[in-house]
Amino acid sequence: MANDLPITTSEWEVMRIVWTLEKATSSEIINLLVKKRTWKASTVKTLIGRLVQKGMLTATKEGHTNTYQCAIAERTAMQEEATRLFKNMCAMKNGKVLAELIQEIQLSKSDIQKLQDALTAKEQTAPDQVACNCIPKEETTE
């Protein structure tokens, strides 16, 4: 991500709003999040400030109001977050975790078709077994 800093679940909430609106004032973000969460305006302002510091949002002064825009594309941020997550897991367990995620999340028929196409293509070059990446190879006993 921008500056390679992970963002919190609460910060993701702010980012999702700004991605959806493309640009937003702090008042707009606050009004939407107050309806969605039980947060106070000061909490949302703190989250916005953190996201600006992390380089995830940019602020443009328009009169007495700041307008915020995302400094990173939504798809890029999601891809980087997913990559970060899977890099923190044992490579041998990635497939199982993905299968469990697919069972848990809502997918459209077109999403399912894209997944099936990607898996069919991936199968052509997939190894029979994925090696563990938890400890250096020379430290494992075979």
Protein backbone atom coordinates (compact mmCIF):
# COMPACT_ATOMS: atom_id res chain seq x y z
CA MET A 1 0.00 0.00 0.00
CA ALA A 2 1.04 3.59 -0.04
CA ASN A 3 4.14 3.69 2.18
CA ASP A 4 3.57 -0.07 2.74
CA LEU A 5 1.67 0.60 5.98
CA PRO A 6 -1.17 -1.73 6.79
CA ILE A 7 -4.45 -0.08 7.61
CA THR A 8 -6.91 -1.06 10.32
CA THR A 9 -10.42 -2.40 9.82
CA SER A 10 -11.79 1.00 10.86
CA GLU A 11 -9.54 2.76 8.34
CA TRP A 12 -10.83 0.39 5.63
CA GLU A 13 -14.34 1.66 6.42
CA VAL A 14 -13.24 5.22 5.65
CA MET A 15 -11.39 4.18 2.50
CA ARG A 16 -14.40 2.26 1.17
CA ILE A 17 -16.54 5.38 1.48
CA VAL A 18 -14.01 7.60 -0.28
CA TRP A 19 -13.48 5.01 -3.05
CA THR A 20 -17.24 4.84 -3.57
CA LEU A 21 -17.72 8.62 -3.64
CA GLU A 22 -14.37 9.26 -5.44
CA LYS A 23 -13.90 12.35 -3.27
CA ALA A 24 -15.50 13.42 -0.03
CA THR A 25 -15.35 16.04 2.68
CA SER A 26 -14.83 15.03 6.29
CA SER A 27 -18.47 15.98 6.95
CA GLU A 28 -19.68 13.60 4.26
CA ILE A 29 -17.50 10.79 5.59
CA ILE A 30 -18.61 11.47 9.17
CA ASN A 31 -22.32 11.56 8.25
CA LEU A 32 -22.10 8.23 6.43
CA LEU A 33 -20.07 6.47 9.11
CA VAL A 34 -22.26 7.73 11.96
CA LYS A 35 -25.20 6.03 10.19
CA LYS A 36 -23.21 2.83 9.72
CA ARG A 37 -21.27 2.68 13.02
CA THR A 38 -21.65 4.12 16.49
CA TRP A 39 -18.57 6.31 16.08
CA LYS A 40 -18.23 9.91 17.11
CA ALA A 41 -17.13 12.61 14.67
CA SER A 42 -13.79 12.91 16.48
CA THR A 43 -13.11 9.20 15.87
CA VAL A 44 -13.74 9.56 12.15
CA LYS A 45 -11.54 12.68 11.99
CA THR A 46 -8.76 10.74 13.70
CA LEU A 47 -9.09 7.91 11.17
CA ILE A 48 -9.01 10.37 8.27
CA GLY A 49 -5.89 12.00 9.72
CA ARG A 50 -4.15 8.63 10.07
CA LEU A 51 -4.99 7.76 6.47
CA VAL A 52 -3.54 11.06 5.27
CA GLN A 53 -0.37 10.41 7.32
CA LYS A 54 -0.10 6.91 5.85
CA GLY A 55 -0.39 8.36 2.36
CA MET A 56 -3.68 6.55 1.66
CA LEU A 57 -5.74 9.76 1.35
CA THR A 58 -4.83 13.16 -0.04
CA ALA A 59 -6.43 16.36 1.22
CA THR A 60 -7.26 19.36 -0.92
CA LYS A 61 -8.30 22.58 0.82
CA GLU A 62 -11.46 24.04 -0.70
CA GLY A 63 -12.39 27.15 1.27
CA HIS A 64 -12.67 26.09 4.90
CA THR A 65 -13.17 22.43 4.01
CA ASN A 66 -10.79 19.64 3.13
CA THR A 67 -11.80 17.32 0.33
CA TYR A 68 -10.28 13.86 0.47
CA GLN A 69 -9.39 11.53 -2.36
CA CYS A 70 -7.77 8.13 -2.32
CA ALA A 71 -4.09 8.07 -3.18
CA ILE A 72 -4.28 4.38 -4.05
CA ALA A 73 -6.74 2.57 -6.29
CA GLU A 74 -9.21 0.31 -4.51
CA ARG A 75 -8.20 -2.75 -6.52
CA THR A 76 -4.52 -2.15 -5.76
CA ALA A 77 -5.18 -1.76 -2.03
CA MET A 78 -7.30 -4.91 -1.91
CA GLN A 79 -4.70 -6.90 -3.84
CA GLU A 80 -1.89 -5.70 -1.58
CA GLU A 81 -3.91 -6.51 1.55
CA ALA A 82 -4.73 -10.00 0.29
CA THR A 83 -1.09 -10.59 -0.66
CA ARG A 84 0.02 -9.42 2.79
CA LEU A 85 -2.44 -11.82 4.41
CA PHE A 86 -1.33 -14.83 2.39
CA LYS A 87 2.37 -14.04 2.88
CA ASN A 88 1.76 -14.36 6.64
CA MET A 89 0.38 -17.90 6.29
CA CYS A 90 2.03 -21.21 5.59
CA ALA A 91 2.06 -21.62 1.80
CA MET A 92 0.77 -25.18 2.23
CA LYS A 93 -2.45 -23.84 3.77
CA ASN A 94 -3.28 -21.11 1.22
CA GLY A 95 -5.54 -23.37 -0.84
CA LYS A 96 -7.51 -24.54 2.19
CA VAL A 97 -7.97 -20.97 3.40
CA LEU A 98 -9.11 -19.84 -0.07
CA ALA A 99 -11.61 -22.71 -0.26
CA GLU A 100 -13.00 -21.78 3.16
CA LEU A 101 -13.25 -18.12 2.16
CA ILE A 102 -15.15 -19.04 -1.00
CA GLN A 103 -17.65 -20.94 1.13
CA GLU A 104 -18.13 -17.98 3.47
CA ILE A 105 -18.37 -14.98 1.13
CA GLN A 106 -21.17 -14.01 -1.22
CA LEU A 107 -20.26 -14.42 -4.89
CA SER A 108 -22.18 -13.72 -8.07
CA LYS A 109 -22.42 -16.30 -10.84
CA SER A 110 -19.97 -14.25 -12.91
CA ASP A 111 -17.54 -14.18 -9.95
CA ILE A 112 -17.78 -17.97 -9.71
CA GLN A 113 -17.12 -18.32 -13.45
CA LYS A 114 -14.04 -16.08 -13.17
CA LEU A 115 -12.77 -18.21 -10.30
CA GLN A 116 -13.38 -21.42 -12.23
CA ASP A 117 -11.54 -20.02 -15.27
CA ALA A 118 -8.62 -18.86 -13.11
CA LEU A 119 -8.38 -22.25 -11.37
CA THR A 120 -8.50 -24.12 -14.69
CA ALA A 121 -5.63 -21.98 -16.01
CA LYS A 122 -3.67 -22.27 -12.74
CA GLU A 123 -4.05 -26.06 -12.72
CA GLN A 124 -1.92 -26.30 -15.89
CA THR A 125 1.25 -25.22 -14.02
CA ALA A 126 0.38 -26.14 -10.43
CA PRO A 127 2.71 -28.47 -8.52
CA ASP A 128 1.35 -31.66 -6.97
CA GLN A 129 2.11 -30.22 -3.54
CA VAL A 130 3.03 -26.75 -2.28
CA ALA A 131 6.12 -26.61 -0.09
CA CYS A 132 6.00 -25.23 3.42
CA ASN A 133 7.63 -21.81 3.69
CA CYS A 134 7.53 -21.53 7.50
CA ILE A 135 11.12 -22.52 8.20
CA PRO A 136 14.17 -22.38 5.94
CA LYS A 137 14.41 -25.44 3.72
CA GLU A 138 17.83 -26.46 5.08
CA GLU A 139 16.36 -26.62 8.62
CA THR A 140 13.63 -29.12 7.78
CA THR A 141 14.13 -32.84 7.98
CA GLU A 142 12.99 -34.87 5.06
